[in-house]
N, C-alpha and C. Protein backbone atom coordinates (compact mmCIF):
# COMPACT_ATOMS: atom_id res chain seq x y z
N MET A 1 -24.87 -0.56 33.00
CA MET A 1 -24.64 -0.52 34.43
C MET A 1 -25.82 -1.22 35.11
N SER A 2 -25.52 -2.08 36.05
CA SER A 2 -26.57 -2.80 36.75
C SER A 2 -27.29 -1.88 37.73
N TYR A 3 -28.46 -2.31 38.13
CA TYR A 3 -29.27 -1.51 39.06
C TYR A 3 -28.54 -1.29 40.37
N SER A 4 -27.93 -2.35 40.92
CA SER A 4 -27.27 -2.23 42.22
C SER A 4 -26.06 -1.30 42.15
N LYS A 5 -25.31 -1.34 41.03
CA LYS A 5 -24.18 -0.43 40.88
C LYS A 5 -24.65 1.01 40.75
N ASP A 6 -25.73 1.22 40.01
CA ASP A 6 -26.27 2.56 39.85
C ASP A 6 -26.79 3.09 41.19
N LEU A 7 -27.46 2.24 41.94
CA LEU A 7 -27.98 2.64 43.25
C LEU A 7 -26.85 2.99 44.20
N SER A 8 -25.81 2.18 44.26
CA SER A 8 -24.70 2.47 45.15
C SER A 8 -23.97 3.74 44.72
N ARG A 9 -23.89 4.00 43.42
CA ARG A 9 -23.27 5.23 42.93
C ARG A 9 -24.07 6.45 43.39
N ARG A 10 -25.42 6.36 43.31
CA ARG A 10 -26.26 7.49 43.70
C ARG A 10 -26.26 7.71 45.21
N LEU A 11 -26.09 6.63 45.99
CA LEU A 11 -26.13 6.75 47.44
C LEU A 11 -24.77 7.04 48.06
N ARG A 12 -23.72 7.04 47.25
CA ARG A 12 -22.38 7.29 47.76
C ARG A 12 -22.33 8.68 48.40
N GLY A 13 -21.83 8.73 49.62
CA GLY A 13 -21.71 10.00 50.31
C GLY A 13 -22.93 10.39 51.12
N LYS A 14 -24.01 9.62 51.04
CA LYS A 14 -25.21 9.91 51.83
C LYS A 14 -25.06 9.28 53.20
N LYS A 15 -25.66 9.91 54.21
CA LYS A 15 -25.61 9.35 55.56
C LYS A 15 -26.49 8.12 55.65
N SER A 16 -26.08 7.19 56.45
CA SER A 16 -26.83 5.95 56.62
C SER A 16 -28.11 6.21 57.41
N VAL A 17 -29.19 5.60 56.95
CA VAL A 17 -30.47 5.73 57.64
C VAL A 17 -30.42 4.99 58.97
N ALA A 18 -29.69 3.91 59.04
CA ALA A 18 -29.61 3.12 60.26
C ALA A 18 -29.07 3.94 61.42
N PHE A 19 -28.18 4.88 61.15
CA PHE A 19 -27.64 5.74 62.19
C PHE A 19 -28.75 6.52 62.88
N PHE A 20 -29.68 7.01 62.12
CA PHE A 20 -30.76 7.81 62.68
C PHE A 20 -31.81 6.95 63.37
N ILE A 21 -31.98 5.74 62.95
CA ILE A 21 -32.97 4.87 63.57
C ILE A 21 -32.52 4.47 64.97
N HIS A 22 -31.23 4.18 65.15
CA HIS A 22 -30.72 3.75 66.44
C HIS A 22 -30.57 4.91 67.41
N ARG A 23 -30.44 6.10 66.92
CA ARG A 23 -30.27 7.28 67.77
C ARG A 23 -31.57 8.06 67.78
N GLU A 24 -32.57 7.57 68.50
CA GLU A 24 -33.91 8.13 68.49
C GLU A 24 -33.96 9.59 68.90
N GLU A 25 -32.99 10.03 69.72
CA GLU A 25 -33.04 11.42 70.15
C GLU A 25 -32.77 12.38 68.99
N LEU A 26 -32.20 11.89 67.88
CA LEU A 26 -31.94 12.76 66.73
C LEU A 26 -33.16 12.91 65.83
N ILE A 27 -34.14 12.02 65.96
CA ILE A 27 -35.33 12.09 65.13
C ILE A 27 -36.31 13.07 65.74
N PRO A 28 -36.63 14.16 65.06
CA PRO A 28 -37.58 15.11 65.64
C PRO A 28 -38.98 14.51 65.67
N GLN A 29 -39.69 14.77 66.75
CA GLN A 29 -41.05 14.28 66.86
C GLN A 29 -41.96 15.16 66.02
N GLU A 30 -42.67 14.55 65.09
CA GLU A 30 -43.54 15.30 64.19
C GLU A 30 -44.91 15.49 64.82
N SER A 31 -45.38 16.70 64.77
CA SER A 31 -46.74 16.99 65.23
C SER A 31 -47.62 17.15 64.00
N PRO A 32 -48.91 16.92 64.12
CA PRO A 32 -49.78 17.06 62.96
C PRO A 32 -49.68 18.47 62.39
N ILE A 33 -49.56 18.55 61.08
CA ILE A 33 -49.45 19.84 60.42
C ILE A 33 -50.84 20.38 60.17
N SER A 34 -51.08 21.59 60.63
CA SER A 34 -52.38 22.21 60.38
C SER A 34 -52.14 23.60 59.82
N PRO A 35 -53.07 24.11 59.04
CA PRO A 35 -52.86 25.43 58.46
C PRO A 35 -52.91 26.51 59.53
N ASP A 36 -52.22 27.60 59.26
CA ASP A 36 -52.21 28.71 60.21
C ASP A 36 -53.29 29.74 59.88
N PHE A 37 -54.36 29.28 59.22
CA PHE A 37 -55.48 30.14 58.88
C PHE A 37 -56.77 29.34 59.04
N GLU A 38 -57.88 30.04 59.05
CA GLU A 38 -59.17 29.40 59.26
C GLU A 38 -59.56 28.56 58.04
N VAL A 39 -60.04 27.34 58.28
CA VAL A 39 -60.50 26.47 57.21
C VAL A 39 -61.97 26.78 56.96
N LYS A 40 -62.27 27.29 55.76
CA LYS A 40 -63.64 27.72 55.47
C LYS A 40 -64.48 26.60 54.85
N VAL A 41 -63.84 25.74 54.06
CA VAL A 41 -64.57 24.66 53.39
C VAL A 41 -64.03 23.33 53.91
N PRO A 42 -64.89 22.48 54.47
CA PRO A 42 -64.42 21.18 54.94
C PRO A 42 -64.04 20.30 53.75
N PRO A 43 -63.24 19.24 53.98
CA PRO A 43 -62.86 18.36 52.87
C PRO A 43 -64.09 17.74 52.20
N HIS A 44 -63.97 17.51 50.91
CA HIS A 44 -65.05 16.86 50.16
C HIS A 44 -65.22 15.44 50.70
N PRO A 45 -66.45 14.95 50.83
CA PRO A 45 -66.65 13.59 51.36
C PRO A 45 -66.01 12.50 50.50
N MET A 46 -65.76 12.78 49.21
CA MET A 46 -65.16 11.79 48.32
C MET A 46 -63.64 11.93 48.21
N LYS A 47 -63.02 12.81 49.01
CA LYS A 47 -61.58 13.07 48.93
C LYS A 47 -60.79 11.81 49.23
N TYR A 48 -59.75 11.58 48.42
CA TYR A 48 -58.88 10.42 48.60
C TYR A 48 -57.43 10.90 48.65
N PRO A 49 -56.60 10.36 49.49
CA PRO A 49 -56.93 9.54 50.64
C PRO A 49 -57.42 10.42 51.78
N ASP A 50 -58.01 9.79 52.76
CA ASP A 50 -58.60 10.53 53.87
C ASP A 50 -57.52 10.76 54.94
N HIS A 51 -56.66 11.77 54.68
CA HIS A 51 -55.59 12.09 55.62
C HIS A 51 -56.15 12.68 56.90
N LYS A 52 -55.43 12.49 57.99
CA LYS A 52 -55.80 13.14 59.25
C LYS A 52 -55.47 14.63 59.13
N GLY A 53 -56.24 15.45 59.77
CA GLY A 53 -55.99 16.89 59.73
C GLY A 53 -56.44 17.50 58.42
N HIS A 54 -55.72 18.53 57.98
CA HIS A 54 -56.12 19.27 56.78
C HIS A 54 -55.21 19.01 55.59
N LYS A 55 -54.42 17.96 55.60
CA LYS A 55 -53.50 17.66 54.51
C LYS A 55 -54.28 17.44 53.21
N GLY A 56 -54.01 18.30 52.22
CA GLY A 56 -54.65 18.18 50.92
C GLY A 56 -56.07 18.71 50.86
N SER A 57 -56.56 19.26 51.95
CA SER A 57 -57.95 19.71 52.00
C SER A 57 -58.11 21.22 51.87
N VAL A 58 -56.99 21.94 51.92
CA VAL A 58 -57.06 23.40 51.98
C VAL A 58 -56.21 24.00 50.87
N TYR A 59 -56.78 24.94 50.13
CA TYR A 59 -56.02 25.67 49.12
C TYR A 59 -54.87 26.42 49.81
N GLY A 60 -53.66 26.25 49.30
CA GLY A 60 -52.50 26.90 49.89
C GLY A 60 -51.92 26.16 51.07
N GLY A 61 -52.51 25.03 51.43
CA GLY A 61 -52.04 24.25 52.58
C GLY A 61 -50.99 23.22 52.18
N ILE A 62 -51.00 22.09 52.87
CA ILE A 62 -50.04 21.01 52.65
C ILE A 62 -50.52 20.10 51.52
N CYS A 63 -49.59 19.65 50.68
CA CYS A 63 -49.88 18.80 49.53
C CYS A 63 -50.59 17.50 49.95
N ASN A 64 -51.50 17.03 49.12
CA ASN A 64 -52.28 15.82 49.40
C ASN A 64 -51.48 14.53 49.24
N ARG A 65 -50.37 14.56 48.51
CA ARG A 65 -49.59 13.35 48.30
C ARG A 65 -49.05 12.85 49.64
N THR A 66 -49.19 11.58 49.91
CA THR A 66 -48.82 11.00 51.20
C THR A 66 -47.34 11.23 51.52
N ALA A 67 -46.47 11.09 50.53
CA ALA A 67 -45.03 11.22 50.76
C ALA A 67 -44.53 12.66 50.68
N CYS A 68 -45.41 13.62 50.55
CA CYS A 68 -45.01 15.02 50.39
C CYS A 68 -45.52 15.85 51.56
N SER A 69 -44.71 16.81 51.97
CA SER A 69 -45.15 17.70 53.05
C SER A 69 -44.92 19.16 52.67
N ARG A 70 -44.87 19.44 51.35
CA ARG A 70 -44.68 20.82 50.90
C ARG A 70 -45.95 21.63 51.11
N ALA A 71 -45.76 22.90 51.39
CA ALA A 71 -46.88 23.82 51.52
C ALA A 71 -47.19 24.41 50.14
N HIS A 72 -48.11 25.32 50.07
CA HIS A 72 -48.50 26.02 48.84
C HIS A 72 -49.15 25.08 47.84
N ALA A 73 -50.08 24.28 48.30
CA ALA A 73 -50.83 23.39 47.41
C ALA A 73 -51.87 24.23 46.67
N THR A 74 -51.56 24.59 45.42
CA THR A 74 -52.44 25.46 44.65
C THR A 74 -53.04 24.77 43.44
N PHE A 75 -52.77 23.48 43.27
CA PHE A 75 -53.35 22.71 42.17
C PHE A 75 -54.41 21.79 42.74
N TYR A 76 -55.54 21.72 42.07
CA TYR A 76 -56.65 20.88 42.52
C TYR A 76 -56.75 19.65 41.62
N ASN A 77 -56.76 18.46 42.23
CA ASN A 77 -56.90 17.22 41.47
C ASN A 77 -58.38 16.89 41.38
N ARG A 78 -58.89 16.88 40.15
CA ARG A 78 -60.31 16.69 39.93
C ARG A 78 -60.76 15.25 40.19
N GLY A 79 -59.81 14.32 40.28
CA GLY A 79 -60.15 12.93 40.54
C GLY A 79 -60.13 12.56 42.01
N THR A 80 -59.20 13.15 42.78
CA THR A 80 -59.08 12.81 44.20
C THR A 80 -59.70 13.88 45.10
N TYR A 81 -60.15 14.98 44.54
CA TYR A 81 -60.75 16.09 45.30
C TYR A 81 -59.76 16.68 46.31
N GLY A 82 -58.47 16.68 45.99
CA GLY A 82 -57.46 17.20 46.91
C GLY A 82 -56.58 18.23 46.24
N TYR A 83 -55.87 19.00 47.07
CA TYR A 83 -54.95 20.04 46.59
C TYR A 83 -53.52 19.50 46.63
N TYR A 84 -52.76 19.81 45.58
CA TYR A 84 -51.39 19.32 45.44
C TYR A 84 -50.44 20.47 45.18
N CYS A 85 -49.16 20.27 45.53
CA CYS A 85 -48.13 21.26 45.22
C CYS A 85 -47.86 21.19 43.71
N ALA A 86 -47.18 22.20 43.19
CA ALA A 86 -46.95 22.29 41.75
C ALA A 86 -46.15 21.11 41.22
N GLU A 87 -45.11 20.71 41.93
CA GLU A 87 -44.26 19.62 41.47
C GLU A 87 -45.04 18.31 41.33
N ASP A 88 -45.84 17.97 42.32
CA ASP A 88 -46.62 16.73 42.26
C ASP A 88 -47.74 16.83 41.23
N ALA A 89 -48.34 17.99 41.08
CA ALA A 89 -49.42 18.17 40.10
C ALA A 89 -48.88 17.98 38.68
N ILE A 90 -47.70 18.50 38.41
CA ILE A 90 -47.09 18.34 37.09
C ILE A 90 -46.80 16.87 36.83
N ALA A 91 -46.29 16.16 37.84
CA ALA A 91 -46.01 14.73 37.69
C ALA A 91 -47.29 13.93 37.45
N ILE A 92 -48.36 14.28 38.13
CA ILE A 92 -49.64 13.59 37.94
C ILE A 92 -50.16 13.84 36.53
N ASN A 93 -50.09 15.08 36.08
CA ASN A 93 -50.60 15.42 34.74
C ASN A 93 -49.79 14.78 33.63
N ARG A 94 -48.53 14.48 33.90
CA ARG A 94 -47.68 13.83 32.90
C ARG A 94 -48.24 12.47 32.50
N HIS A 95 -48.97 11.83 33.41
CA HIS A 95 -49.50 10.48 33.18
C HIS A 95 -51.02 10.44 33.14
N SER A 96 -51.67 11.57 32.95
CA SER A 96 -53.13 11.58 33.06
C SER A 96 -53.87 11.42 31.74
N GLY A 97 -53.18 11.27 30.64
CA GLY A 97 -53.88 11.10 29.37
C GLY A 97 -54.17 12.43 28.71
N LYS A 98 -55.28 12.48 27.97
CA LYS A 98 -55.56 13.69 27.18
C LYS A 98 -56.15 14.83 28.00
N ALA A 99 -56.75 14.55 29.14
CA ALA A 99 -57.31 15.60 29.99
C ALA A 99 -56.51 15.68 31.28
N PRO A 100 -56.04 16.87 31.65
CA PRO A 100 -55.26 16.98 32.88
C PRO A 100 -56.13 16.73 34.11
N LEU A 101 -55.57 15.97 35.04
CA LEU A 101 -56.28 15.72 36.30
C LEU A 101 -56.16 16.92 37.23
N CYS A 102 -54.97 17.52 37.28
CA CYS A 102 -54.72 18.64 38.18
C CYS A 102 -54.84 19.97 37.44
N ILE A 103 -55.59 20.87 38.01
CA ILE A 103 -55.74 22.19 37.43
C ILE A 103 -55.36 23.22 38.49
N GLN A 104 -54.81 24.34 38.03
CA GLN A 104 -54.44 25.39 38.99
C GLN A 104 -55.67 26.21 39.34
N VAL A 105 -55.85 26.44 40.61
CA VAL A 105 -56.99 27.24 41.09
C VAL A 105 -56.45 28.41 41.90
N ASP A 106 -57.32 29.37 42.18
CA ASP A 106 -56.87 30.56 42.90
C ASP A 106 -57.63 30.80 44.20
N HIS A 107 -58.43 29.83 44.62
CA HIS A 107 -59.17 29.97 45.88
C HIS A 107 -59.59 28.59 46.37
N ASP A 108 -60.07 28.54 47.60
CA ASP A 108 -60.59 27.31 48.18
C ASP A 108 -61.92 27.00 47.50
N LEU A 109 -62.01 25.87 46.84
CA LEU A 109 -63.22 25.52 46.09
C LEU A 109 -64.33 25.05 47.03
N THR A 110 -65.56 25.38 46.67
CA THR A 110 -66.71 24.85 47.40
C THR A 110 -66.99 23.44 46.88
N HIS A 111 -67.83 22.71 47.59
CA HIS A 111 -68.16 21.35 47.15
C HIS A 111 -68.86 21.38 45.78
N GLU A 112 -69.67 22.39 45.52
CA GLU A 112 -70.35 22.50 44.22
C GLU A 112 -69.33 22.71 43.10
N GLU A 113 -68.32 23.56 43.35
CA GLU A 113 -67.27 23.78 42.34
C GLU A 113 -66.46 22.51 42.12
N MET A 114 -66.18 21.78 43.20
CA MET A 114 -65.44 20.52 43.07
C MET A 114 -66.21 19.52 42.21
N ASN A 115 -67.51 19.42 42.46
CA ASN A 115 -68.34 18.50 41.67
C ASN A 115 -68.40 18.93 40.21
N ALA A 116 -68.47 20.23 39.96
CA ALA A 116 -68.50 20.74 38.59
C ALA A 116 -67.19 20.42 37.87
N HIS A 117 -66.05 20.57 38.56
CA HIS A 117 -64.75 20.24 37.95
C HIS A 117 -64.68 18.74 37.66
N TYR A 118 -65.22 17.92 38.53
CA TYR A 118 -65.21 16.48 38.30
C TYR A 118 -66.03 16.13 37.05
N ARG A 119 -67.23 16.71 36.93
CA ARG A 119 -68.07 16.45 35.75
C ARG A 119 -67.39 16.93 34.47
N ALA A 120 -66.72 18.09 34.53
CA ALA A 120 -66.00 18.61 33.36
C ALA A 120 -64.86 17.66 32.97
N MET A 121 -64.17 17.10 33.95
CA MET A 121 -63.09 16.16 33.66
C MET A 121 -63.64 14.91 32.95
N ILE A 122 -64.77 14.41 33.42
CA ILE A 122 -65.36 13.22 32.80
C ILE A 122 -65.74 13.53 31.36
N GLU A 123 -66.31 14.70 31.10
CA GLU A 123 -66.67 15.09 29.74
C GLU A 123 -65.44 15.22 28.84
N GLU A 124 -64.34 15.77 29.37
CA GLU A 124 -63.11 15.91 28.60
C GLU A 124 -62.50 14.57 28.25
N MET A 125 -62.72 13.55 29.07
CA MET A 125 -62.10 12.24 28.85
C MET A 125 -62.92 11.37 27.90
N ARG A 126 -64.13 11.76 27.61
CA ARG A 126 -64.94 10.96 26.68
C ARG A 126 -64.37 11.05 25.27
N PRO A 127 -64.46 9.94 24.53
CA PRO A 127 -63.90 9.94 23.15
C PRO A 127 -64.71 10.80 22.18
């Protein structure tokens, strides 16, 4: 099956995006998402990408992945210094080699803990 036939098969029955683009009143205006709790630890200075607000910067907050807006980010990526939801963390770890990039944590990490996790990741990746 060709790519275009497979794509049209998967999109069959879906609403057209063009309909929503022309009818601007149907598109909800998005406001910046911020956590509903106090942020105790500011984002690490090396965090990537540098999202506006607290996206990916808070344990239990919004996932760091640009295309994701899920809450409950409980996995910490030792390479990007950001918090990710479980689904994205599993996908990242699938391609991370012998040492997992994302680890599950149970609290908001301090900058010292983040640096320690980064150093541990580098040691795990050495041959």
